[in-house]
Amino acid sequence: MLCHEKPPSAAGPSSITPARGTTQPPGPTAPLHVDWQPTVRSRDDEVKRLMALGATLHEDHRTADGRGWVTLPDPEGNEFCIEQGKGRSTAQA
């Protein structure tokens, strides 16, 4: 499964829209890990938003120059990374 971000007005409360597109079979043998670059918000604003929705901080690889990524698991334990996208920010969540 791939995830595509849509503007909030097009996607409602969530800005992630799942899209099929994997070569792996479905089920527990095909874990999903999404590396996501937000386009509507900065990486740091997106991390804050997702934590407010129940994700937790697992690893923080942000650097002082604004590069890096944050690894979070969702409430079900599925890990994903938020990378620096178009809206660049150096503030940490």
C-alpha atoms as a PDB file:
ATOM      1  CA  MET A   1       0.000   0.000   0.000  1.00  0.00           C
ATOM      2  CA  LEU A   2       1.213   3.498  -0.807  1.00  0.00           C
ATOM      3  CA  CYS A   3      -0.002   6.691   0.824  1.00  0.00           C
ATOM      4  CA  HIS A   4      -0.559   9.956  -0.971  1.00  0.00           C
ATOM      5  CA  GLU A   5      -1.156  13.223   0.815  1.00  0.00           C
ATOM      6  CA  LYS A   6      -4.033  15.471  -0.256  1.00  0.00           C
ATOM      7  CA  PRO A   7      -4.804  19.017   0.853  1.00  0.00           C
ATOM      8  CA  PRO A   8      -7.004  19.042   3.986  1.00  0.00           C
ATOM      9  CA  SER A   9      -9.975  20.396   2.036  1.00  0.00           C
ATOM     10  CA  ALA A  10      -9.834  17.419  -0.334  1.00  0.00           C
ATOM     11  CA  ALA A  11      -9.136  14.763   2.277  1.00  0.00           C
ATOM     12  CA  GLY A  12     -11.212  15.927   5.235  1.00  0.00           C
ATOM     13  CA  PRO A  13      -9.755  15.399   8.724  1.00  0.00           C
ATOM     14  CA  SER A  14      -6.933  13.180   7.474  1.00  0.00           C
ATOM     15  CA  SER A  15      -4.487  14.122   4.772  1.00  0.00           C
ATOM     16  CA  ILE A  16      -3.411  10.545   3.920  1.00  0.00           C
ATOM     17  CA  THR A  17      -5.199   8.569   1.242  1.00  0.00           C
ATOM     18  CA  PRO A  18      -4.188   4.910   0.876  1.00  0.00           C
ATOM     19  CA  ALA A  19      -3.594   3.600  -2.613  1.00  0.00           C
ATOM     20  CA  ARG A  20      -2.947  -0.008  -3.641  1.00  0.00           C
ATOM     21  CA  GLY A  21       0.354  -0.669  -5.335  1.00  0.00           C
ATOM     22  CA  THR A  22       2.471  -3.363  -3.707  1.00  0.00           C
ATOM     23  CA  THR A  23       4.103  -6.420  -5.194  1.00  0.00           C
ATOM     24  CA  GLN A  24       4.045  -8.222  -1.832  1.00  0.00           C
ATOM     25  CA  PRO A  25       1.143 -10.482  -0.881  1.00  0.00           C
ATOM     26  CA  PRO A  26      -1.298  -9.126   1.735  1.00  0.00           C
ATOM     27  CA  GLY A  27      -1.171 -10.303   5.310  1.00  0.00           C
ATOM     28  CA  PRO A  28       1.240 -10.417   8.217  1.00  0.00           C
ATOM     29  CA  THR A  29       4.165 -11.546   6.029  1.00  0.00           C
ATOM     30  CA  ALA A  30       4.181  -8.171   4.217  1.00  0.00           C
ATOM     31  CA  PRO A  31       4.871  -5.455   6.826  1.00  0.00           C
ATOM     32  CA  LEU A  32       4.162  -1.892   5.793  1.00  0.00           C
ATOM     33  CA  HIS A  33       6.578   0.952   6.423  1.00  0.00           C
ATOM     34  CA  VAL A  34       5.814   4.344   4.925  1.00  0.00           C
ATOM     35  CA  ASP A  35       8.460   7.040   4.438  1.00  0.00           C
ATOM     36  CA  TRP A  36       6.375  10.165   4.036  1.00  0.00           C
ATOM     37  CA  GLN A  37       7.310  13.673   2.885  1.00  0.00           C
ATOM     38  CA  PRO A  38       4.410  16.014   3.712  1.00  0.00           C
ATOM     39  CA  THR A  39       3.454  18.579   1.097  1.00  0.00           C
ATOM     40  CA  VAL A  40       0.674  20.452   2.916  1.00  0.00           C
ATOM     41  CA  ARG A  41       2.508  21.027   6.234  1.00  0.00           C
ATOM     42  CA  SER A  42       6.103  21.118   7.430  1.00  0.00           C
ATOM     43  CA  ARG A  43       7.601  17.871   8.710  1.00  0.00           C
ATOM     44  CA  ASP A  44       7.544  19.172  12.281  1.00  0.00           C
ATOM     45  CA  ASP A  45       3.925  20.351  12.088  1.00  0.00           C
ATOM     46  CA  GLU A  46       2.965  16.958  10.665  1.00  0.00           C
ATOM     47  CA  VAL A  47       4.777  15.138  13.492  1.00  0.00           C
ATOM     48  CA  LYS A  48       2.875  17.243  16.043  1.00  0.00           C
ATOM     49  CA  ARG A  49      -0.434  16.564  14.269  1.00  0.00           C
ATOM     50  CA  LEU A  50       0.145  12.818  14.120  1.00  0.00           C
ATOM     51  CA  MET A  51       1.200  12.644  17.766  1.00  0.00           C
ATOM     52  CA  ALA A  52      -2.031  14.428  18.695  1.00  0.00           C
ATOM     53  CA  LEU A  53      -3.875  11.683  16.778  1.00  0.00           C
ATOM     54  CA  GLY A  54      -2.171   8.891  18.759  1.00  0.00           C
ATOM     55  CA  ALA A  55       1.215   8.246  17.148  1.00  0.00           C
ATOM     56  CA  THR A  56       4.184   8.122  19.528  1.00  0.00           C
ATOM     57  CA  LEU A  57       7.760   9.264  19.066  1.00  0.00           C
ATOM     58  CA  HIS A  58      10.111   6.306  18.518  1.00  0.00           C
ATOM     59  CA  GLU A  59      13.279   7.839  17.037  1.00  0.00           C
ATOM     60  CA  ASP A  60      14.105  11.460  16.260  1.00  0.00           C
ATOM     61  CA  HIS A  61      16.755  11.939  13.562  1.00  0.00           C
ATOM     62  CA  ARG A  62      16.190  15.673  12.979  1.00  0.00           C
ATOM     63  CA  THR A  63      19.282  17.848  12.878  1.00  0.00           C
ATOM     64  CA  ALA A  64      19.827  21.528  13.668  1.00  0.00           C
ATOM     65  CA  ASP A  65      20.097  22.370   9.944  1.00  0.00           C
ATOM     66  CA  GLY A  66      16.529  21.099   9.311  1.00  0.00           C
ATOM     67  CA  ARG A  67      17.429  17.769   7.744  1.00  0.00           C
ATOM     68  CA  GLY A  68      16.503  14.323   8.990  1.00  0.00           C
ATOM     69  CA  TRP A  69      13.371  12.380   9.803  1.00  0.00           C
ATOM     70  CA  VAL A  70      11.203  11.179  12.674  1.00  0.00           C
ATOM     71  CA  THR A  71      10.112   7.564  13.181  1.00  0.00           C
ATOM     72  CA  LEU A  72       6.746   7.052  14.860  1.00  0.00           C
ATOM     73  CA  PRO A  73       4.494   4.035  15.443  1.00  0.00           C
ATOM     74  CA  ASP A  74       0.740   4.484  15.062  1.00  0.00           C
ATOM     75  CA  PRO A  75      -1.566   3.281  17.880  1.00  0.00           C
ATOM     76  CA  GLU A  76      -1.481  -0.245  16.370  1.00  0.00           C
ATOM     77  CA  GLY A  77       2.346  -0.322  16.347  1.00  0.00           C
ATOM     78  CA  ASN A  78       2.909   0.216  12.607  1.00  0.00           C
ATOM     79  CA  GLU A  79       6.084   2.283  12.195  1.00  0.00           C
ATOM     80  CA  PHE A  80       6.412   5.079   9.664  1.00  0.00           C
ATOM     81  CA  CYS A  81       8.821   7.952   9.041  1.00  0.00           C
ATOM     82  CA  ILE A  82       8.072  11.604   8.410  1.00  0.00           C
ATOM     83  CA  GLU A  83      10.784  13.187   6.302  1.00  0.00           C
ATOM     84  CA  GLN A  84      11.417  16.797   5.398  1.00  0.00           C
ATOM     85  CA  GLY A  85       9.040  17.761   2.599  1.00  0.00           C
ATOM     86  CA  LYS A  86       8.275  21.014   0.821  1.00  0.00           C
ATOM     87  CA  GLY A  87       7.350  22.848   4.027  1.00  0.00           C
ATOM     88  CA  ARG A  88      10.756  22.924   5.733  1.00  0.00           C
ATOM     89  CA  SER A  89      11.041  23.454   9.492  1.00  0.00           C
ATOM     90  CA  THR A  90      13.872  23.143  11.987  1.00  0.00           C
ATOM     91  CA  ALA A  91      11.753  23.284  15.155  1.00  0.00           C
ATOM     92  CA  GLN A  92      11.479  20.012  17.074  1.00  0.00           C
ATOM     93  CA  ALA A  93       8.212  18.529  18.379  1.00  0.00           C
END
